[in-house]
Amino acid sequence: ARLRPGGVAAFNIHHLTGYHEHVNAIAEVFPRVYVVRRPG
């Protein structure tokens, strides 16, 4: 709700316990979700 039209929220999430649950929750709220996976 605090984003302007066309805005983006970026979450820094460490790949530990609860990662998938966290991102799935984000996907319940936001219509499009993408992941930036830097190798290593």
PDB file of all heavy atoms in Angstrom:
ATOM      1  N   ALA A   1       0.810  -1.216   0.000  1.00  0.00           N
ATOM      2  CA  ALA A   1       0.000   0.000   0.000  1.00  0.00           C
ATOM      3  C   ALA A   1       0.844   1.267   0.000  1.00  0.00           C
ATOM      4  O   ALA A   1       0.366   2.332  -0.428  1.00  0.00           O
ATOM      5  CB  ALA A   1      -0.938  -0.004   1.210  1.00  0.00           C
ATOM      6  N   ARG A   2       2.088   1.182   0.463  1.00  0.00           N
ATOM      7  CA  ARG A   2       2.953   2.367   0.498  1.00  0.00           C
ATOM      8  C   ARG A   2       3.717   2.578  -0.811  1.00  0.00           C
ATOM      9  O   ARG A   2       4.466   3.554  -0.939  1.00  0.00           O
ATOM     10  CB  ARG A   2       3.951   2.261   1.660  1.00  0.00           C
ATOM     11  CG  ARG A   2       3.339   2.334   3.042  1.00  0.00           C
ATOM     12  CD  ARG A   2       2.723   3.697   3.363  1.00  0.00           C
ATOM     13  NE  ARG A   2       3.719   4.735   3.490  1.00  0.00           N
ATOM     14  CZ  ARG A   2       4.317   5.075   4.646  1.00  0.00           C
ATOM     15  NH1 ARG A   2       4.026   4.421   5.754  1.00  0.00           N
ATOM     16  NH2 ARG A   2       5.183   6.063   4.680  1.00  0.00           N
ATOM     17  N   LEU A   3       3.550   1.660  -1.764  1.00  0.00           N
ATOM     18  CA  LEU A   3       4.211   1.815  -3.062  1.00  0.00           C
ATOM     19  C   LEU A   3       3.387   2.689  -3.989  1.00  0.00           C
ATOM     20  O   LEU A   3       2.153   2.619  -4.009  1.00  0.00           O
ATOM     21  CB  LEU A   3       4.420   0.449  -3.720  1.00  0.00           C
ATOM     22  CG  LEU A   3       5.527  -0.436  -3.143  1.00  0.00           C
ATOM     23  CD1 LEU A   3       5.434  -1.835  -3.736  1.00  0.00           C
ATOM     24  CD2 LEU A   3       6.906   0.158  -3.396  1.00  0.00           C
ATOM     25  N   ARG A   4       4.067   3.477  -4.780  1.00  0.00           N
ATOM     26  CA  ARG A   4       3.413   4.216  -5.849  1.00  0.00           C
ATOM     27  C   ARG A   4       3.020   3.250  -6.969  1.00  0.00           C
ATOM     28  O   ARG A   4       3.563   2.150  -7.055  1.00  0.00           O
ATOM     29  CB  ARG A   4       4.367   5.283  -6.396  1.00  0.00           C
ATOM     30  CG  ARG A   4       4.648   6.415  -5.416  1.00  0.00           C
ATOM     31  CD  ARG A   4       5.597   7.426  -6.033  1.00  0.00           C
ATOM     32  NE  ARG A   4       5.664   8.643  -5.250  1.00  0.00           N
ATOM     33  CZ  ARG A   4       6.350   9.719  -5.601  1.00  0.00           C
ATOM     34  NH1 ARG A   4       7.050   9.711  -6.731  1.00  0.00           N
ATOM     35  NH2 ARG A   4       6.352  10.794  -4.837  1.00  0.00           N
ATOM     36  N   PRO A   5       2.079   3.653  -7.827  1.00  0.00           N
ATOM     37  CA  PRO A   5       1.738   2.794  -8.967  1.00  0.00           C
ATOM     38  C   PRO A   5       2.984   2.438  -9.777  1.00  0.00           C
ATOM     39  O   PRO A   5       3.794   3.309 -10.115  1.00  0.00           O
ATOM     40  CB  PRO A   5       0.772   3.658  -9.783  1.00  0.00           C
ATOM     41  CG  PRO A   5       0.125   4.552  -8.756  1.00  0.00           C
ATOM     42  CD  PRO A   5       1.216   4.854  -7.766  1.00  0.00           C
ATOM     43  N   GLY A   6       3.151   1.145 -10.044  1.00  0.00           N
ATOM     44  CA  GLY A   6       4.335   0.682 -10.766  1.00  0.00           C
ATOM     45  C   GLY A   6       5.554   0.491  -9.905  1.00  0.00           C
ATOM     46  O   GLY A   6       6.636   0.185 -10.420  1.00  0.00           O
ATOM     47  N   GLY A   7       5.404   0.644  -8.580  1.00  0.00           N
ATOM     48  CA  GLY A   7       6.544   0.530  -7.680  1.00  0.00           C
ATOM     49  C   GLY A   7       6.953  -0.908  -7.417  1.00  0.00           C
ATOM     50  O   GLY A   7       6.279  -1.864  -7.802  1.00  0.00           O
ATOM     51  N   VAL A   8       8.090  -1.059  -6.730  1.00  0.00           N
ATOM     52  CA  VAL A   8       8.668  -2.371  -6.444  1.00  0.00           C
ATOM     53  C   VAL A   8       9.151  -2.403  -4.998  1.00  0.00           C
ATOM     54  O   VAL A   8       9.744  -1.436  -4.513  1.00  0.00           O
ATOM     55  CB  VAL A   8       9.860  -2.672  -7.378  1.00  0.00           C
ATOM     56  CG1 VAL A   8      10.524  -3.995  -6.992  1.00  0.00           C
ATOM     57  CG2 VAL A   8       9.419  -2.726  -8.827  1.00  0.00           C
ATOM     58  N   ALA A   9       8.883  -3.527  -4.336  1.00  0.00           N
ATOM     59  CA  ALA A   9       9.494  -3.793  -3.030  1.00  0.00           C
ATOM     60  C   ALA A   9      10.574  -4.848  -3.222  1.00  0.00           C
ATOM     61  O   ALA A   9      10.371  -5.830  -3.937  1.00  0.00           O
ATOM     62  CB  ALA A   9       8.452  -4.283  -2.028  1.00  0.00           C
ATOM     63  N   ALA A  10      11.735  -4.637  -2.604  1.00  0.00           N
ATOM     64  CA  ALA A  10      12.857  -5.566  -2.722  1.00  0.00           C
ATOM     65  C   ALA A  10      13.189  -6.096  -1.334  1.00  0.00           C
ATOM     66  O   ALA A  10      13.411  -5.325  -0.400  1.00  0.00           O
ATOM     67  CB  ALA A  10      14.076  -4.877  -3.330  1.00  0.00           C
ATOM     68  N   PHE A  11      13.221  -7.419  -1.212  1.00  0.00           N
ATOM     69  CA  PHE A  11      13.458  -8.087   0.064  1.00  0.00           C
ATOM     70  C   PHE A  11      14.804  -8.811   0.013  1.00  0.00           C
ATOM     71  O   PHE A  11      15.043  -9.612  -0.886  1.00  0.00           O
ATOM     72  CB  PHE A  11      12.362  -9.122   0.339  1.00  0.00           C
ATOM     73  CG  PHE A  11      10.972  -8.557   0.456  1.00  0.00           C
ATOM     74  CD1 PHE A  11      10.261  -8.204  -0.683  1.00  0.00           C
ATOM     75  CD2 PHE A  11      10.379  -8.385   1.696  1.00  0.00           C
ATOM     76  CE1 PHE A  11       8.971  -7.698  -0.585  1.00  0.00           C
ATOM     77  CE2 PHE A  11       9.094  -7.874   1.804  1.00  0.00           C
ATOM     78  CZ  PHE A  11       8.389  -7.531   0.660  1.00  0.00           C
ATOM     79  N   ASN A  12      15.655  -8.525   0.990  1.00  0.00           N
ATOM     80  CA  ASN A  12      16.912  -9.262   1.140  1.00  0.00           C
ATOM     81  C   ASN A  12      16.640 -10.434   2.072  1.00  0.00           C
ATOM     82  O   ASN A  12      16.434 -10.250   3.274  1.00  0.00           O
ATOM     83  CB  ASN A  12      17.989  -8.348   1.721  1.00  0.00           C
ATOM     84  CG  ASN A  12      19.286  -9.091   1.992  1.00  0.00           C
ATOM     85  OD1 ASN A  12      19.567 -10.115   1.380  1.00  0.00           O
ATOM     86  ND2 ASN A  12      20.079  -8.577   2.922  1.00  0.00           N
ATOM     87  N   ILE A  13      16.622 -11.638   1.513  1.00  0.00           N
ATOM     88  CA  ILE A  13      16.253 -12.818   2.293  1.00  0.00           C
ATOM     89  C   ILE A  13      17.388 -13.836   2.231  1.00  0.00           C
ATOM     90  O   ILE A  13      17.753 -14.303   1.154  1.00  0.00           O
ATOM     91  CB  ILE A  13      14.946 -13.450   1.771  1.00  0.00           C
ATOM     92  CG1 ILE A  13      13.813 -12.410   1.816  1.00  0.00           C
ATOM     93  CG2 ILE A  13      14.583 -14.676   2.594  1.00  0.00           C
ATOM     94  CD1 ILE A  13      12.495 -12.939   1.301  1.00  0.00           C
ATOM     95  N   HIS A  14      17.921 -14.177   3.391  1.00  0.00           N
ATOM     96  CA  HIS A  14      18.972 -15.187   3.464  1.00  0.00           C
ATOM     97  C   HIS A  14      18.345 -16.565   3.272  1.00  0.00           C
ATOM     98  O   HIS A  14      17.265 -16.852   3.791  1.00  0.00           O
ATOM     99  CB  HIS A  14      19.684 -15.111   4.817  1.00  0.00           C
ATOM    100  CG  HIS A  14      21.019 -15.772   4.836  1.00  0.00           C
ATOM    101  ND1 HIS A  14      21.171 -17.136   4.836  1.00  0.00           N
ATOM    102  CD2 HIS A  14      22.273 -15.258   4.841  1.00  0.00           C
ATOM    103  CE1 HIS A  14      22.450 -17.439   4.861  1.00  0.00           C
ATOM    104  NE2 HIS A  14      23.149 -16.316   4.860  1.00  0.00           N
ATOM    105  N   HIS A  15      19.029 -17.412   2.505  1.00  0.00           N
ATOM    106  CA  HIS A  15      18.487 -18.717   2.152  1.00  0.00           C
ATOM    107  C   HIS A  15      18.667 -19.699   3.311  1.00  0.00           C
ATOM    108  O   HIS A  15      19.473 -20.627   3.262  1.00  0.00           O
ATOM    109  CB  HIS A  15      19.182 -19.242   0.895  1.00  0.00           C
ATOM    110  CG  HIS A  15      18.501 -20.420   0.265  1.00  0.00           C
ATOM    111  ND1 HIS A  15      17.143 -20.544   0.191  1.00  0.00           N
ATOM    112  CD2 HIS A  15      19.005 -21.540  -0.308  1.00  0.00           C
ATOM    113  CE1 HIS A  15      16.827 -21.679  -0.413  1.00  0.00           C
ATOM    114  NE2 HIS A  15      17.954 -22.306  -0.719  1.00  0.00           N
ATOM    115  N   LEU A  16      17.900 -19.458   4.388  1.00  0.00           N
ATOM    116  CA  LEU A  16      17.933 -20.322   5.562  1.00  0.00           C
ATOM    117  C   LEU A  16      16.524 -20.833   5.846  1.00  0.00           C
ATOM    118  O   LEU A  16      15.624 -20.690   5.029  1.00  0.00           O
ATOM    119  CB  LEU A  16      18.477 -19.539   6.770  1.00  0.00           C
ATOM    120  CG  LEU A  16      19.968 -19.186   6.748  1.00  0.00           C
ATOM    121  CD1 LEU A  16      20.302 -18.279   7.922  1.00  0.00           C
ATOM    122  CD2 LEU A  16      20.825 -20.446   6.818  1.00  0.00           C
ATOM    123  N   THR A  17      16.333 -21.400   7.020  1.00  0.00           N
ATOM    124  CA  THR A  17      15.037 -21.938   7.408  1.00  0.00           C
ATOM    125  C   THR A  17      13.934 -20.899   7.227  1.00  0.00           C
ATOM    126  O   THR A  17      14.056 -19.756   7.653  1.00  0.00           O
ATOM    127  CB  THR A  17      15.071 -22.386   8.877  1.00  0.00           C
ATOM    128  OG1 THR A  17      16.132 -23.320   9.050  1.00  0.00           O
ATOM    129  CG2 THR A  17      13.752 -23.021   9.290  1.00  0.00           C
ATOM    130  N   GLY A  18      12.830 -21.331   6.573  1.00  0.00           N
ATOM    131  CA  GLY A  18      11.698 -20.439   6.397  1.00  0.00           C
ATOM    132  C   GLY A  18      11.725 -19.620   5.135  1.00  0.00           C
ATOM    133  O   GLY A  18      10.828 -18.819   4.899  1.00  0.00           O
ATOM    134  N   TYR A  19      12.746 -19.822   4.293  1.00  0.00           N
ATOM    135  CA  TYR A  19      12.884 -19.006   3.086  1.00  0.00           C
ATOM    136  C   TYR A  19      11.663 -19.150   2.175  1.00  0.00           C
ATOM    137  O   TYR A  19      11.061 -18.160   1.767  1.00  0.00           O
ATOM    138  CB  TYR A  19      14.154 -19.410   2.338  1.00  0.00           C
ATOM    139  CG  TYR A  19      14.292 -18.799   0.969  1.00  0.00           C
ATOM    140  CD1 TYR A  19      14.772 -17.508   0.806  1.00  0.00           C
ATOM    141  CD2 TYR A  19      13.916 -19.518  -0.181  1.00  0.00           C
ATOM    142  CE1 TYR A  19      14.892 -16.948  -0.452  1.00  0.00           C
ATOM    143  CE2 TYR A  19      14.034 -18.958  -1.435  1.00  0.00           C
ATOM    144  CZ  TYR A  19      14.520 -17.668  -1.564  1.00  0.00           C
ATOM    145  OH  TYR A  19      14.628 -17.114  -2.803  1.00  0.00           O
ATOM    146  N   HIS A  20      11.292 -20.376   1.843  1.00  0.00           N
ATOM    147  CA  HIS A  20      10.193 -20.591   0.905  1.00  0.00           C
ATOM    148  C   HIS A  20       8.875 -20.076   1.468  1.00  0.00           C
ATOM    149  O   HIS A  20       8.065 -19.485   0.741  1.00  0.00           O
ATOM    150  CB  HIS A  20      10.088 -22.067   0.523  1.00  0.00           C
ATOM    151  CG  HIS A  20      11.221 -22.526  -0.338  1.00  0.00           C
ATOM    152  ND1 HIS A  20      12.396 -23.014   0.182  1.00  0.00           N
ATOM    153  CD2 HIS A  20      11.371 -22.549  -1.688  1.00  0.00           C
ATOM    154  CE1 HIS A  20      13.217 -23.322  -0.807  1.00  0.00           C
ATOM    155  NE2 HIS A  20      12.630 -23.056  -1.939  1.00  0.00           N
ATOM    156  N   GLU A  21       8.649 -20.278   2.771  1.00  0.00           N
ATOM    157  CA  GLU A  21       7.425 -19.763   3.383  1.00  0.00           C
ATOM    158  C   GLU A  21       7.363 -18.248   3.285  1.00  0.00           C
ATOM    159  O   GLU A  21       6.297 -17.677   3.014  1.00  0.00           O
ATOM    160  CB  GLU A  21       7.347 -20.188   4.847  1.00  0.00           C
ATOM    161  CG  GLU A  21       7.182 -21.686   5.057  1.00  0.00           C
ATOM    162  CD  GLU A  21       8.504 -22.415   5.187  1.00  0.00           C
ATOM    163  OE1 GLU A  21       9.522 -21.913   4.670  1.00  0.00           O
ATOM    164  OE2 GLU A  21       8.524 -23.495   5.797  1.00  0.00           O
ATOM    165  N   HIS A  22       8.505 -17.599   3.497  1.00  0.00           N
ATOM    166  CA  HIS A  22       8.556 -16.138   3.431  1.00  0.00           C
ATOM    167  C   HIS A  22       8.215 -15.648   2.023  1.00  0.00           C
ATOM    168  O   HIS A  22       7.385 -14.756   1.836  1.00  0.00           O
ATOM    169  CB  HIS A  22       9.949 -15.668   3.858  1.00  0.00           C
ATOM    170  CG  HIS A  22      10.037 -14.194   4.102  1.00  0.00           C
ATOM    171  ND1 HIS A  22      11.168 -13.597   4.614  1.00  0.00           N
ATOM    172  CD2 HIS A  22       9.167 -13.173   3.883  1.00  0.00           C
ATOM    173  CE1 HIS A  22      10.978 -12.303   4.720  1.00  0.00           C
ATOM    174  NE2 HIS A  22       9.780 -12.016   4.274  1.00  0.00           N
ATOM    175  N   VAL A  23       8.845 -16.240   1.010  1.00  0.00           N
ATOM    176  CA  VAL A  23       8.603 -15.778  -0.357  1.00  0.00           C
ATOM    177  C   VAL A  23       7.195 -16.147  -0.820  1.00  0.00           C
ATOM    178  O   VAL A  23       6.540 -15.372  -1.533  1.00  0.00           O
ATOM    179  CB  VAL A  23       9.666 -16.326  -1.317  1.00  0.00           C
ATOM    180  CG1 VAL A  23       9.478 -15.728  -2.713  1.00  0.00           C
ATOM    181  CG2 VAL A  23      11.066 -16.007  -0.811  1.00  0.00           C
ATOM    182  N   ASN A  24       6.691 -17.295  -0.395  1.00  0.00           N
ATOM    183  CA  ASN A  24       5.313 -17.644  -0.727  1.00  0.00           C
ATOM    184  C   ASN A  24       4.334 -16.622  -0.141  1.00  0.00           C
ATOM    185  O   ASN A  24       3.325 -16.283  -0.771  1.00  0.00           O
ATOM    186  CB  ASN A  24       4.972 -19.043  -0.208  1.00  0.00           C
ATOM    187  CG  ASN A  24       5.569 -20.141  -1.072  1.00  0.00           C
ATOM    188  OD1 ASN A  24       5.966 -19.910  -2.214  1.00  0.00           O
ATOM    189  ND2 ASN A  24       5.642 -21.348  -0.524  1.00  0.00           N
ATOM    190  N   ALA A  25       4.619 -16.140   1.072  1.00  0.00           N
ATOM    191  CA  ALA A  25       3.764 -15.114   1.673  1.00  0.00           C
ATOM    192  C   ALA A  25       3.805 -13.825   0.852  1.00  0.00           C
ATOM    193  O   ALA A  25       2.773 -13.181   0.631  1.00  0.00           O
ATOM    194  CB  ALA A  25       4.201 -14.846   3.115  1.00  0.00           C
ATOM    195  N   ILE A  26       4.994 -13.454   0.402  1.00  0.00           N
ATOM    196  CA  ILE A  26       5.107 -12.268  -0.458  1.00  0.00           C
ATOM    197  C   ILE A  26       4.268 -12.452  -1.721  1.00  0.00           C
ATOM    198  O   ILE A  26       3.558 -11.538  -2.167  1.00  0.00           O
ATOM    199  CB  ILE A  26       6.584 -12.010  -0.812  1.00  0.00           C
ATOM    200  CG1 ILE A  26       7.375 -11.633   0.443  1.00  0.00           C
ATOM    201  CG2 ILE A  26       6.712 -10.905  -1.865  1.00  0.00           C
ATOM    202  CD1 ILE A  26       8.891 -11.613   0.245  1.00  0.00           C
ATOM    203  N   ALA A  27       4.315 -13.665  -2.286  1.00  0.00           N
ATOM    204  CA  ALA A  27       3.575 -13.949  -3.515  1.00  0.00           C
ATOM    205  C   ALA A  27       2.068 -13.955  -3.281  1.00  0.00           C
ATOM    206  O   ALA A  27       1.298 -13.807  -4.243  1.00  0.00           O
ATOM    207  CB  ALA A  27       4.027 -15.280  -4.095  1.00  0.00           C
ATOM    208  N   GLU A  28       1.601 -14.135  -2.043  1.00  0.00           N
ATOM    209  CA  GLU A  28       0.174 -14.039  -1.747  1.00  0.00           C
ATOM    210  C   GLU A  28      -0.322 -12.607  -1.827  1.00  0.00           C
ATOM    211  O   GLU A  28      -1.500 -12.362  -2.080  1.00  0.00           O
ATOM    212  CB  GLU A  28      -0.119 -14.600  -0.358  1.00  0.00           C
ATOM    213  CG  GLU A  28      -0.156 -16.108  -0.266  1.00  0.00           C
ATOM    214  CD  GLU A  28      -0.751 -16.578   1.044  1.00  0.00           C
ATOM    215  OE1 GLU A  28      -1.723 -15.955   1.517  1.00  0.00           O
ATOM    216  OE2 GLU A  28      -0.227 -17.560   1.590  1.00  0.00           O
ATOM    217  N   VAL A  29       0.582 -11.658  -1.611  1.00  0.00           N
ATOM    218  CA  VAL A  29       0.198 -10.246  -1.523  1.00  0.00           C
ATOM    219  C   VAL A  29       0.466  -9.497  -2.819  1.00  0.00           C
ATOM    220  O   VAL A  29      -0.339  -8.661  -3.253  1.00  0.00           O
ATOM    221  CB  VAL A  29       0.935  -9.575  -0.346  1.00  0.00           C
ATOM    222  CG1 VAL A  29       0.713  -8.068  -0.339  1.00  0.00           C
ATOM    223  CG2 VAL A  29       0.490 -10.211   0.971  1.00  0.00           C
ATOM    224  N   PHE A  30       1.604  -9.787  -3.451  1.00  0.00           N
ATOM    225  CA  PHE A  30       2.013  -9.043  -4.639  1.00  0.00           C
ATOM    226  C   PHE A  30       1.675  -9.842  -5.898  1.00  0.00           C
ATOM    227  O   PHE A  30       1.886 -11.056  -5.938  1.00  0.00           O
ATOM    228  CB  PHE A  30       3.509  -8.743  -4.589  1.00  0.00           C
ATOM    229  CG  PHE A  30       3.891  -7.729  -3.542  1.00  0.00           C
ATOM    230  CD1 PHE A  30       4.111  -8.117  -2.226  1.00  0.00           C
ATOM    231  CD2 PHE A  30       4.036  -6.385  -3.879  1.00  0.00           C
ATOM    232  CE1 PHE A  30       4.470  -7.189  -1.266  1.00  0.00           C
ATOM    233  CE2 PHE A  30       4.393  -5.449  -2.920  1.00  0.00           C
ATOM    234  CZ  PHE A  30       4.597  -5.849  -1.611  1.00  0.00           C
ATOM    235  N   PRO A  31       1.183  -9.178  -6.942  1.00  0.00           N
ATOM    236  CA  PRO A  31       0.745  -9.911  -8.141  1.00  0.00           C
ATOM    237  C   PRO A  31       1.870 -10.528  -8.945  1.00  0.00           C
ATOM    238  O   PRO A  31       1.646 -11.510  -9.663  1.00  0.00           O
ATOM    239  CB  PRO A  31       0.001  -8.845  -8.956  1.00  0.00           C
ATOM    240  CG  PRO A  31       0.549  -7.541  -8.485  1.00  0.00           C
ATOM    241  CD  PRO A  31       0.876  -7.730  -7.033  1.00  0.00           C
ATOM    242  N   ARG A  32       3.066  -9.961  -8.878  1.00  0.00           N
ATOM    243  CA  ARG A  32       4.209 -10.529  -9.600  1.00  0.00           C
ATOM    244  C   ARG A  32       5.418 -10.536  -8.673  1.00  0.00           C
ATOM    245  O   ARG A  32       5.740  -9.522  -8.036  1.00  0.00           O
ATOM    246  CB  ARG A  32       4.540  -9.702 -10.838  1.00  0.00           C
ATOM    247  CG  ARG A  32       3.463  -9.711 -11.906  1.00  0.00           C
ATOM    248  CD  ARG A  32       3.534 -10.967 -12.764  1.00  0.00           C
ATOM    249  NE  ARG A  32       2.488 -10.967 -13.783  1.00  0.00           N
ATOM    250  CZ  ARG A  32       2.398 -11.851 -14.754  1.00  0.00           C
ATOM    251  NH1 ARG A  32       3.302 -12.815 -14.867  1.00  0.00           N
ATOM    252  NH2 ARG A  32       1.419 -11.799 -15.631  1.00  0.00           N
ATOM    253  N   VAL A  33       6.092 -11.680  -8.597  1.00  0.00           N
ATOM    254  CA  VAL A  33       7.261 -11.817  -7.733  1.00  0.00           C
ATOM    255  C   VAL A  33       8.390 -12.440  -8.544  1.00  0.00           C
ATOM    256  O   VAL A  33       8.190 -13.439  -9.252  1.00  0.00           O
ATOM    257  CB  VAL A  33       6.948 -12.677  -6.494  1.00  0.00           C
ATOM    258  CG1 VAL A  33       8.213 -12.926  -5.671  1.00  0.00           C
ATOM    259  CG2 VAL A  33       5.886 -12.003  -5.636  1.00  0.00           C
ATOM    260  N   TYR A  34       9.579 -11.851  -8.431  1.00  0.00           N
ATOM    261  CA  TYR A  34      10.766 -12.337  -9.137  1.00  0.00           C
ATOM    262  C   TYR A  34      11.894 -12.518  -8.135  1.00  0.00           C
ATOM    263  O   TYR A  34      11.929 -11.861  -7.086  1.00  0.00           O
ATOM    264  CB  TYR A  34      11.190 -11.352 -10.238  1.00  0.00           C
ATOM    265  CG  TYR A  34      10.213 -11.308 -11.383  1.00  0.00           C
ATOM    266  CD1 TYR A  34       9.026 -10.582 -11.280  1.00  0.00           C
ATOM    267  CD2 TYR A  34      10.444 -12.015 -12.555  1.00  0.00           C
ATOM    268  CE1 TYR A  34       8.101 -10.559 -12.306  1.00  0.00           C
ATOM    269  CE2 TYR A  34       9.531 -11.992 -13.599  1.00  0.00           C
ATOM    270  CZ  TYR A  34       8.363 -11.274 -13.465  1.00  0.00           C
ATOM    271  OH  TYR A  34       7.447 -11.270 -14.489  1.00  0.00           O
ATOM    272  N   VAL A  35      12.819 -13.400  -8.459  1.00  0.00           N
ATOM    273  CA  VAL A  35      13.957 -13.648  -7.578  1.00  0.00           C
ATOM    274  C   VAL A  35      15.240 -13.383  -8.346  1.00  0.00           C
ATOM    275  O   VAL A  35      15.372 -13.758  -9.514  1.00  0.00           O
ATOM    276  CB  VAL A  35      13.924 -15.082  -7.007  1.00  0.00           C
ATOM    277  CG1 VAL A  35      13.886 -16.125  -8.110  1.00  0.00           C
ATOM    278  CG2 VAL A  35      15.114 -15.343  -6.085  1.00  0.00           C
ATOM    279  N   VAL A  36      16.158 -12.687  -7.682  1.00  0.00           N
ATOM    280  CA  VAL A  36      17.478 -12.399  -8.248  1.00  0.00           C
ATOM    281  C   VAL A  36      18.466 -13.304  -7.525  1.00  0.00           C
ATOM    282  O   VAL A  36      18.786 -13.087  -6.357  1.00  0.00           O
ATOM    283  CB  VAL A  36      17.860 -10.913  -8.068  1.00  0.00           C
ATOM    284  CG1 VAL A  36      19.195 -10.620  -8.753  1.00  0.00           C
ATOM    285  CG2 VAL A  36      16.765  -9.999  -8.605  1.00  0.00           C
ATOM    286  N   ARG A  37      18.941 -14.322  -8.231  1.00  0.00           N
ATOM    287  CA  ARG A  37      19.836 -15.318  -7.617  1.00  0.00           C
ATOM    288  C   ARG A  37      21.265 -15.093  -8.113  1.00  0.00           C
ATOM    289  O   ARG A  37      21.603 -15.474  -9.223  1.00  0.00           O
ATOM    290  CB  ARG A  37      19.400 -16.739  -7.984  1.00  0.00           C
ATOM    291  CG  ARG A  37      18.071 -17.167  -7.393  1.00  0.00           C
ATOM    292  CD  ARG A  37      17.810 -18.629  -7.738  1.00  0.00           C
ATOM    293  NE  ARG A  37      16.609 -19.147  -7.108  1.00  0.00           N
ATOM    294  CZ  ARG A  37      15.417 -19.175  -7.699  1.00  0.00           C
ATOM    295  NH1 ARG A  37      15.270 -18.701  -8.924  1.00  0.00           N
ATOM    296  NH2 ARG A  37      14.382 -19.672  -7.065  1.00  0.00           N
ATOM    297  N   ARG A  38      22.073 -14.455  -7.298  1.00  0.00           N
ATOM    298  CA  ARG A  38      23.473 -14.273  -7.656  1.00  0.00           C
ATOM    299  C   ARG A  38      24.231 -15.566  -7.380  1.00  0.00           C
ATOM    300  O   ARG A  38      24.155 -16.106  -6.266  1.00  0.00           O
ATOM    301  CB  ARG A  38      24.110 -13.136  -6.857  1.00  0.00           C
ATOM    302  CG  ARG A  38      23.558 -11.771  -7.193  1.00  0.00           C
ATOM    303  CD  ARG A  38      24.276 -10.679  -6.402  1.00  0.00           C
ATOM    304  NE  ARG A  38      25.652 -10.510  -6.842  1.00  0.00           N
ATOM    305  CZ  ARG A  38      26.701 -10.941  -6.175  1.00  0.00           C
ATOM    306  NH1 ARG A  38      26.568 -11.587  -5.048  1.00  0.00           N
ATOM    307  NH2 ARG A  38      27.927 -10.720  -6.615  1.00  0.00           N
ATOM    308  N   PRO A  39      24.968 -16.083  -8.345  1.00  0.00           N
ATOM    309  CA  PRO A  39      25.723 -17.322  -8.130  1.00  0.00           C
ATOM    310  C   PRO A  39      26.661 -17.201  -6.930  1.00  0.00           C
ATOM    311  O   PRO A  39      27.337 -16.189  -6.747  1.00  0.00           O
ATOM    312  CB  PRO A  39      26.508 -17.491  -9.431  1.00  0.00           C
ATOM    313  CG  PRO A  39      25.717 -16.733 -10.454  1.00  0.00           C
ATOM    314  CD  PRO A  39      25.127 -15.563  -9.719  1.00  0.00           C
ATOM    315  N   GLY A  40      26.647 -18.243  -6.096  1.00  0.00           N
ATOM    316  CA  GLY A  40      27.546 -18.269  -4.953  1.00  0.00           C
ATOM    317  C   GLY A  40      27.083 -17.490  -3.748  1.00  0.00           C
ATOM    318  O   GLY A  40      27.793 -17.417  -2.748  1.00  0.00           O
TER     319      GLY A  40
END
